[in-house]
Protein backbone atom coordinates (compact mmCIF):
# COMPACT_ATOMS: atom_id res chain seq x y z
CA MET A 1 14.67 121.77 108.24
CA LYS A 2 17.76 120.02 109.56
CA LYS A 3 18.35 116.59 107.35
CA ALA A 4 21.49 114.13 108.03
CA TYR A 5 23.21 112.87 104.76
CA LYS A 6 25.47 109.78 105.72
CA THR A 7 27.87 108.06 103.01
CA GLU A 8 31.48 106.10 103.01
CA VAL A 9 34.51 108.35 102.71
CA HIS A 10 37.84 106.81 101.37
CA PHE A 11 40.84 107.61 103.80
CA THR A 12 44.25 108.01 102.68
CA THR A 13 46.86 105.39 104.99
CA SER A 14 47.53 108.63 106.75
CA GLN A 15 44.00 109.75 107.34
CA GLN A 16 43.04 106.10 108.36
CA GLN A 17 45.53 106.01 110.95
CA LYS A 18 44.15 109.54 112.24
CA ALA A 19 40.38 107.87 111.98
CA ILE A 20 42.08 105.14 114.53
CA GLN A 21 43.39 107.17 116.31
CA THR A 22 40.73 109.93 117.35
CA ILE A 23 37.78 106.80 117.54
CA GLY A 24 40.32 104.98 120.28
CA VAL A 25 40.57 108.17 121.86
CA CYS A 26 36.97 108.97 122.19
CA ARG A 27 36.17 105.07 123.53
CA TYR A 28 39.00 105.35 126.14
CA VAL A 29 38.00 108.81 127.26
CA TYR A 30 34.19 107.29 127.67
CA ASN A 31 34.99 104.31 129.53
CA LEU A 32 37.53 106.77 131.69
CA TYR A 33 34.76 109.00 132.91
CA LEU A 34 32.12 106.49 133.49
CA GLU A 35 35.28 104.63 135.80
CA THR A 36 35.66 107.95 137.71
CA ALA A 37 32.21 109.09 138.01
CA GLN A 38 31.40 105.47 139.65
CA ASN A 39 34.18 105.72 141.93
CA HIS A 40 33.31 109.89 142.70
CA TYR A 41 29.73 108.32 143.63
CA LYS A 42 30.77 105.95 145.73
CA GLU A 43 32.99 107.94 147.74
CA THR A 44 31.52 110.95 148.08
CA LYS A 45 27.64 110.19 147.33
CA LYS A 46 27.92 113.16 144.72
CA TYR A 47 27.41 113.26 140.72
CA LEU A 48 30.15 114.02 138.50
CA SER A 49 29.27 116.50 135.88
CA GLY A 50 30.86 116.18 132.06
CA PHE A 51 32.34 119.74 132.62
CA ASP A 52 33.85 118.81 135.79
CA PHE A 53 35.72 115.88 134.63
CA SER A 54 36.91 117.63 131.63
CA LYS A 55 38.38 120.48 133.56
CA TRP A 56 40.41 117.67 135.68
CA LEU A 57 41.02 115.89 132.25
CA ASN A 58 42.83 119.01 130.31
CA ASN A 59 44.22 120.49 133.47
CA VAL A 60 45.60 117.31 135.60
CA HIS A 61 45.31 113.94 133.86
CA THR A 62 46.62 114.88 130.68
CA LYS A 63 49.66 116.53 131.82
CA GLN A 64 50.64 113.29 134.32
CA THR A 65 49.99 110.78 132.30
CA ASP A 66 48.59 109.69 129.12
CA GLN A 67 49.17 112.81 126.68
CA TRP A 68 48.39 111.31 123.25
CA ILE A 69 45.09 112.32 124.25
CA LYS A 70 45.50 116.34 123.08
CA GLU A 71 46.92 114.33 120.00
CA VAL A 72 43.18 114.21 118.27
CA SER A 73 40.28 116.78 117.92
CA SER A 74 39.53 118.31 121.52
CA LYS A 75 36.17 118.40 120.53
CA ALA A 76 35.62 114.82 119.54
CA VAL A 77 37.19 114.21 123.36
CA LYS A 78 34.47 116.61 124.84
CA LYS A 79 31.49 115.07 122.87
CA ALA A 80 32.61 111.64 124.22
CA ILE A 81 32.73 113.03 127.89
CA MET A 82 29.04 114.78 127.45
CA ASN A 83 27.93 111.54 125.42
CA GLY A 84 28.84 109.75 129.02
CA ASP A 85 27.35 112.66 130.88
CA ARG A 86 24.37 112.07 128.96
CA ALA A 87 24.32 108.27 129.47
CA PHE A 88 24.21 108.79 133.69
CA LYS A 89 21.79 111.22 133.33
CA SER A 90 19.18 109.63 131.60
CA PHE A 91 20.45 106.17 134.46
CA PHE A 92 19.46 108.71 136.61
CA LYS A 93 15.93 109.82 135.79
CA GLY A 94 15.11 105.79 135.02
CA LEU A 95 15.09 106.88 131.61
CA ALA A 96 17.97 103.77 130.45
CA LYS A 97 19.93 101.64 132.16
CA PHE A 98 22.92 102.19 134.14
CA PRO A 99 25.63 102.94 131.09
CA ARG A 100 28.72 100.08 130.39
CA PHE A 101 31.80 100.16 129.00
CA LYS A 102 32.52 100.88 124.96
CA LYS A 103 34.36 97.84 123.75
CA LYS A 104 36.48 97.99 120.42
CA LYS A 105 34.50 95.26 119.02
CA ASN A 106 31.37 96.54 119.46
CA GLN A 107 32.09 99.15 117.18
CA ASP A 108 29.73 102.28 118.43
CA VAL A 109 32.05 105.03 119.15
CA LYS A 110 31.88 107.58 116.91
CA ALA A 111 33.82 110.68 116.64
CA TYR A 112 32.10 114.39 116.66
CA PHE A 113 33.31 117.70 114.69
CA PRO A 114 31.49 120.60 114.78
CA LYS A 115 31.43 123.52 112.41
CA ASN A 116 33.26 126.16 114.24
CA ASN A 117 35.15 127.77 111.33
CA ALA A 118 33.89 129.27 108.15
CA THR A 119 36.83 126.81 106.94
CA ASP A 120 35.57 123.71 108.16
CA LEU A 121 33.36 121.33 106.60
CA ILE A 122 33.26 122.54 103.41
CA VAL A 123 31.19 120.19 100.74
CA GLU A 124 31.94 119.67 97.00
CA ARG A 125 30.78 117.04 94.89
CA HIS A 126 33.70 114.42 95.68
CA ARG A 127 35.31 115.50 98.58
CA ILE A 128 34.27 117.17 102.15
CA LYS A 129 36.94 119.36 104.41
CA ILE A 130 36.93 117.77 107.84
CA PRO A 131 38.87 119.40 110.92
CA THR A 132 42.16 117.98 111.66
CA PHE A 133 41.98 115.24 108.85
CA GLY A 134 41.72 117.78 105.52
CA TRP A 135 40.32 116.81 102.39
CA VAL A 136 38.42 113.50 102.80
CA ARG A 137 37.41 112.11 99.28
CA LEU A 138 33.44 110.38 99.21
CA LYS A 139 32.07 107.53 97.75
CA GLU A 140 28.61 109.03 96.44
CA PHE A 141 29.50 112.09 94.29
CA GLY A 142 27.23 114.67 94.68
CA TYR A 143 24.86 113.30 97.41
CA ILE A 144 25.56 115.90 99.89
CA PRO A 145 24.32 119.13 99.27
CA THR A 146 26.47 121.43 98.43
CA ASP A 147 24.17 124.75 98.87
CA ALA A 148 23.79 123.54 102.19
CA THR A 149 24.21 125.19 105.69
CA VAL A 150 26.49 122.42 107.39
CA ILE A 151 25.99 122.26 111.16
CA ASN A 152 28.02 119.33 111.96
CA CYS A 153 29.49 115.99 110.86
CA THR A 154 30.17 112.47 112.97
CA LEU A 155 32.86 110.23 111.77
CA SER A 156 32.29 105.87 112.07
CA GLN A 157 33.36 102.84 111.35
CA LYS A 158 31.73 99.43 110.91
CA ALA A 159 32.72 96.47 109.22
CA GLY A 160 36.41 97.84 108.22
CA ARG A 161 34.55 100.81 106.34
CA TYR A 162 34.63 104.45 107.47
CA PHE A 163 31.45 106.53 107.21
CA ILE A 164 30.50 110.36 107.73
CA ALA A 165 27.37 111.63 108.89
CA VAL A 166 26.23 115.08 107.76
CA LEU A 167 23.53 117.44 109.79
CA CYS A 168 22.77 120.15 107.50
CA ASP A 169 19.90 122.88 107.61
CA VAL A 170 18.22 122.38 104.32
CA GLU A 171 15.22 124.17 103.25
CA LYS A 172 11.89 122.83 103.07
CA SER A 173 9.94 122.11 100.18
CA LYS A 174 6.78 124.51 100.28
CA ALA A 175 4.90 122.84 97.50
CA ALA A 176 1.42 121.79 98.76
CA TYR A 177 1.00 118.01 98.92
CA LYS A 178 -1.68 116.41 96.40
CA SER A 179 -3.29 113.24 97.79
CA GLU A 180 -4.08 111.13 94.51
CA THR A 181 -5.44 108.03 96.71
CA ASP A 182 -7.65 107.27 99.60
CA GLY A 183 -5.64 106.22 102.67
CA ILE A 184 -3.99 103.13 103.61
CA GLY A 185 -3.93 100.96 106.36
CA VAL A 186 -0.99 99.07 106.69
CA ASP A 187 -0.62 96.02 109.59
CA LEU A 188 2.81 94.52 110.01
CA GLY A 189 3.49 90.39 110.49
CA LEU A 190 5.83 87.99 110.69
CA LYS A 191 4.57 86.04 107.72
CA GLU A 192 4.14 89.04 105.39
CA PHE A 193 6.43 91.76 106.34
CA ALA A 194 3.47 94.26 105.71
CA VAL A 195 -0.24 93.81 104.50
CA CYS A 196 -2.10 96.93 103.10
CA SER A 197 -5.68 97.57 102.73
CA ASN A 198 -4.91 98.80 99.01
CA HIS A 199 -3.79 95.30 98.10
CA LEU A 200 -0.36 95.98 97.92
CA VAL A 201 1.72 93.02 100.06
CA PHE A 202 5.42 93.20 100.79
CA ASP A 203 6.32 89.29 101.60
CA THR A 204 8.95 88.46 104.36
CA ILE A 205 12.51 89.12 102.68
CA ASN A 206 14.32 86.99 105.68
CA LYS A 207 12.48 84.14 103.32
CA ARG A 208 14.18 84.71 100.27
CA GLU A 209 16.79 82.23 98.93
CA ARG A 210 19.62 85.40 99.12
CA ILE A 211 18.95 85.81 103.05
CA ILE A 212 19.19 82.27 103.22
CA LYS A 213 22.57 81.63 102.38
CA MET A 214 23.89 84.37 103.61
CA GLU A 215 23.15 83.37 106.97
CA LYS A 216 25.04 79.53 106.38
CA ARG A 217 27.70 81.43 105.41
CA LEU A 218 27.33 83.89 108.57
CA LYS A 219 26.93 80.55 110.95
CA ARG A 220 29.68 78.93 109.35
CA GLN A 221 32.26 81.65 109.38
CA GLN A 222 31.25 82.53 113.11
CA ARG A 223 31.91 78.53 114.40
CA LYS A 224 35.52 79.19 112.92
CA LEU A 225 36.19 82.30 114.75
CA SER A 226 35.10 80.44 117.93
CA ARG A 227 37.29 78.11 116.98
CA CYS A 228 40.31 80.69 116.82
CA TYR A 229 39.28 81.82 120.41
CA GLU A 230 39.16 78.46 121.52
CA GLN A 231 42.62 77.52 120.10
CA ASN A 232 44.05 80.49 121.89
CA LYS A 233 42.70 79.24 125.48
CA ASN A 234 44.12 75.43 124.90
CA ARG A 235 47.47 77.32 123.82
CA LYS A 236 50.31 78.36 126.87
CA ARG A 237 50.64 82.52 126.98
CA GLY A 238 52.55 84.08 124.38
CA GLU A 239 52.77 81.00 122.02
CA PHE A 240 49.50 82.43 120.01
CA CYS A 241 49.50 84.90 117.29
CA ALA A 242 46.09 87.31 117.61
CA GLU A 243 46.54 88.72 113.41
CA ASN A 244 44.80 85.38 112.32
CA ARG A 245 41.83 85.43 114.75
CA GLN A 246 41.18 89.72 113.94
CA LYS A 247 40.87 88.89 110.29
CA GLN A 248 38.58 86.20 110.95
CA LEU A 249 36.45 88.72 113.06
CA LEU A 250 36.50 91.16 109.56
CA VAL A 251 34.94 88.43 107.88
CA VAL A 252 32.33 87.99 110.45
CA GLN A 253 31.82 91.83 111.13
CA LYS A 254 31.58 92.27 107.48
CA LEU A 255 28.79 89.48 106.80
CA HIS A 256 26.50 90.93 109.64
CA ALA A 257 26.88 94.46 107.94
CA ARG A 258 25.94 93.01 104.56
CA LEU A 259 22.70 91.21 106.15
CA ALA A 260 21.65 94.52 108.11
CA ASN A 261 21.97 96.74 104.74
CA VAL A 262 20.45 94.56 102.58
CA ARG A 263 17.39 94.40 105.79
CA LYS A 264 17.43 97.95 105.67
CA GLU A 265 17.49 98.56 102.06
CA TYR A 266 14.46 96.67 101.47
CA ILE A 267 12.30 98.76 104.25
CA ARG A 268 13.17 101.48 102.08
CA PHE A 269 11.66 100.13 99.33
CA VAL A 270 8.65 99.35 101.32
CA VAL A 271 8.19 103.41 102.95
CA SER A 272 9.05 104.74 99.02
CA VAL A 273 6.02 102.04 97.60
CA LEU A 274 3.57 103.74 100.28
CA VAL A 275 4.73 106.99 99.80
CA LYS A 276 4.59 106.98 95.97
CA THR A 277 0.81 106.19 96.30
CA LYS A 278 0.58 109.13 97.57
CA PRO A 279 -2.34 108.81 100.12
CA VAL A 280 -4.44 110.93 102.70
CA PHE A 281 -3.13 109.18 105.61
CA ILE A 282 -1.05 105.99 106.43
CA ALA A 283 -2.49 104.04 109.65
CA ILE A 284 -0.42 101.89 111.17
CA GLU A 285 -0.42 100.07 114.59
CA ASP A 286 1.84 100.95 117.98
CA LEU A 287 3.24 97.64 118.55
CA ASN A 288 5.35 96.81 121.45
CA ILE A 289 8.12 95.55 120.10
CA LYS A 290 9.94 95.00 123.75
CA GLY A 291 7.28 93.01 125.18
CA MET A 292 7.53 91.24 121.55
CA MET A 293 10.74 89.96 122.19
CA LYS A 294 10.40 88.74 125.34
CA ASN A 295 8.66 85.47 123.02
CA ARG A 296 11.66 83.61 122.73
CA HIS A 297 10.30 81.18 119.88
CA LEU A 298 9.54 84.69 117.64
CA SER A 299 12.10 86.92 119.27
CA ARG A 300 14.63 86.71 116.60
CA SER A 301 12.16 86.46 113.75
CA ILE A 302 10.73 89.70 114.78
CA GLY A 303 14.13 91.38 115.71
CA GLN A 304 15.04 90.55 111.95
CA GLN A 305 11.84 92.36 110.54
CA ASN A 306 13.06 95.71 111.83
CA PHE A 307 9.71 97.28 112.56
CA ARG A 308 11.17 100.11 114.65
CA GLN A 309 13.06 101.07 111.92
CA PHE A 310 10.28 100.56 109.32
CA ARG A 311 8.02 102.97 111.54
CA GLU A 312 10.84 105.18 111.93
CA TRP A 313 11.45 105.87 108.39
CA LEU A 314 8.21 105.70 107.38
CA ILE A 315 7.17 109.06 109.71
CA ALA A 316 10.43 110.67 108.71
CA LYS A 317 9.25 110.50 105.16
CA CYS A 318 5.52 111.41 105.59
CA LEU A 319 6.63 114.34 107.36
CA GLU A 320 9.12 115.88 105.01
CA ILE A 321 6.51 115.24 102.05
CA GLY A 322 3.22 116.50 104.13
CA ILE A 323 1.23 112.92 104.35
CA GLU A 324 -0.70 112.03 107.43
CA ILE A 325 0.55 109.19 109.70
CA ARG A 326 -2.34 107.90 111.97
CA LEU A 327 -0.89 105.66 115.12
CA VAL A 328 -3.57 103.01 116.20
CA ASP A 329 -3.00 102.57 119.69
CA ARG A 330 -1.48 98.97 120.49
CA TRP A 331 -4.84 97.32 122.37
CA PHE A 332 -6.94 97.92 119.12
CA PRO A 333 -8.15 94.83 118.05
CA SER A 334 -7.68 94.79 114.45
CA SER A 335 -7.00 91.33 113.50
CA LYS A 336 -10.00 90.12 115.64
CA ARG A 337 -12.50 92.53 114.68
CA CYS A 338 -14.48 91.98 111.66
CA SER A 339 -14.12 94.81 108.98
CA ASP A 340 -17.41 94.39 107.51
CA CYS A 341 -20.05 94.27 110.79
CA GLY A 342 -17.43 94.94 113.46
CA GLU A 343 -18.39 92.14 115.40
CA LYS A 344 -15.19 90.82 117.60
CA ASN A 345 -14.28 87.00 117.01
CA VAL A 346 -12.24 86.71 120.34
CA SER A 347 -11.68 82.85 119.43
CA LEU A 348 -9.18 84.05 116.93
CA SER A 349 -6.16 82.25 117.24
CA LEU A 350 -2.25 83.06 115.73
CA ALA A 351 -2.26 79.85 113.94
CA ASP A 352 -5.77 81.32 112.14
CA ARG A 353 -5.02 82.53 108.88
CA ILE A 354 -8.40 83.53 107.67
CA PHE A 355 -10.78 85.27 109.42
CA THR A 356 -14.55 84.27 109.71
CA CYS A 357 -17.24 86.31 111.35
CA GLU A 358 -19.62 84.52 113.24
CA ASN A 359 -21.50 87.20 112.72
CA CYS A 360 -22.24 87.80 109.08
CA GLY A 361 -20.16 85.01 107.17
CA MET A 362 -17.75 86.74 105.84
CA GLU A 363 -14.16 85.19 105.15
CA MET A 364 -11.20 86.79 104.76
CA ASP A 365 -7.25 86.84 104.80
CA ARG A 366 -7.09 88.08 108.97
CA ASP A 367 -3.96 90.54 107.42
CA PHE A 368 -5.88 92.09 105.47
CA ASN A 369 -9.03 92.20 107.62
CA ALA A 370 -6.87 94.15 110.22
CA SER A 371 -5.43 96.85 107.49
CA LEU A 372 -8.68 97.34 107.18
CA ASN A 373 -9.79 98.18 110.10
CA LEU A 374 -6.73 99.99 110.69
CA LYS A 375 -7.45 102.04 107.93
CA TYR A 376 -11.35 102.57 108.81
CA THR A 377 -10.68 102.87 112.97
CA LYS A 378 -11.67 106.65 114.96
CA GLU A 379 -9.29 106.00 117.46
CA TYR A 380 -5.73 107.08 116.41
CA THR A 381 -3.17 109.71 117.57
CA VAL A 382 -1.56 111.88 114.35
CA VAL A 383 2.45 112.13 115.07
CA THR A 384 3.00 113.84 111.83
CA GLU A 385 1.65 117.34 112.48
């Protein structure tokens, strides 16, 4: 099976300059392809493929101007072009929105390096050999397996730090999975992150004092960054210095990255606890995250919960071990149905935290009642087969 390992790398001064240059060229080539493809379609009403653009870039454009493009890895440049080609194809198929230009401040550009030669992407305990970079030191020793077959790697930047994601072909464990407990129903929410049918309750990390303090600090630093932009607008052209603004931007980026890492680590903890109980299956609801985000009163809280990331990591972990994941339809009334007699309470509102059945008189926490309904339902789809 294929598995990716992502960790931080420590560059030397020359390697850091090389990384900045490579990521910058990939961003420039991606934007150049989008601009050229748009103009070509307006003039000829024909689609410009990534292969045709790559031929024009190598044979015409780099010989006339922008010869510095050839100073970085050609494979990384080619991958940036094909990423733009895939974005246009997804748009024409109706699978995605119209592709946008990459911005430096978003830090969403990655450099791709395949394993073309036997000496490329050699992994040792504390370092890895990247094409055009040489040996690069890893932050986590022994994290990337040295005996696995490396396919490719991707270099990225986030808040002044550099990361590498190595895709390896590893052997899947042949040991049969043995369940030790019954199945689990997991109900996700805003008041509590997850309420399980086995009486496990995971609170919302966004209400903890640590996260609240970090968000307050982030607001102060964002106001300070906003004042930097406003002061530069009021000054005459050529009189402002962008150095302090870039320093403040890095401070804001680090705080955003820190908050995101804390929330991701909490999701990993929840997934780990659920998997270690060794259930027969785990039943979750197919939430309509995109539709839920349209609620302007709850969109921020929903986005901070990272429900989609939790679902992806849970499915990936269960697929690796062999636990069955049951995906229940989003229209299934898990909160409004009585887990005891099956009667549906249509008048139940979001403010009602206690579920009361009018038929049998059962009273129970609405989230725990929903988790029981998810566990015992017969209407589901298995997604880990």
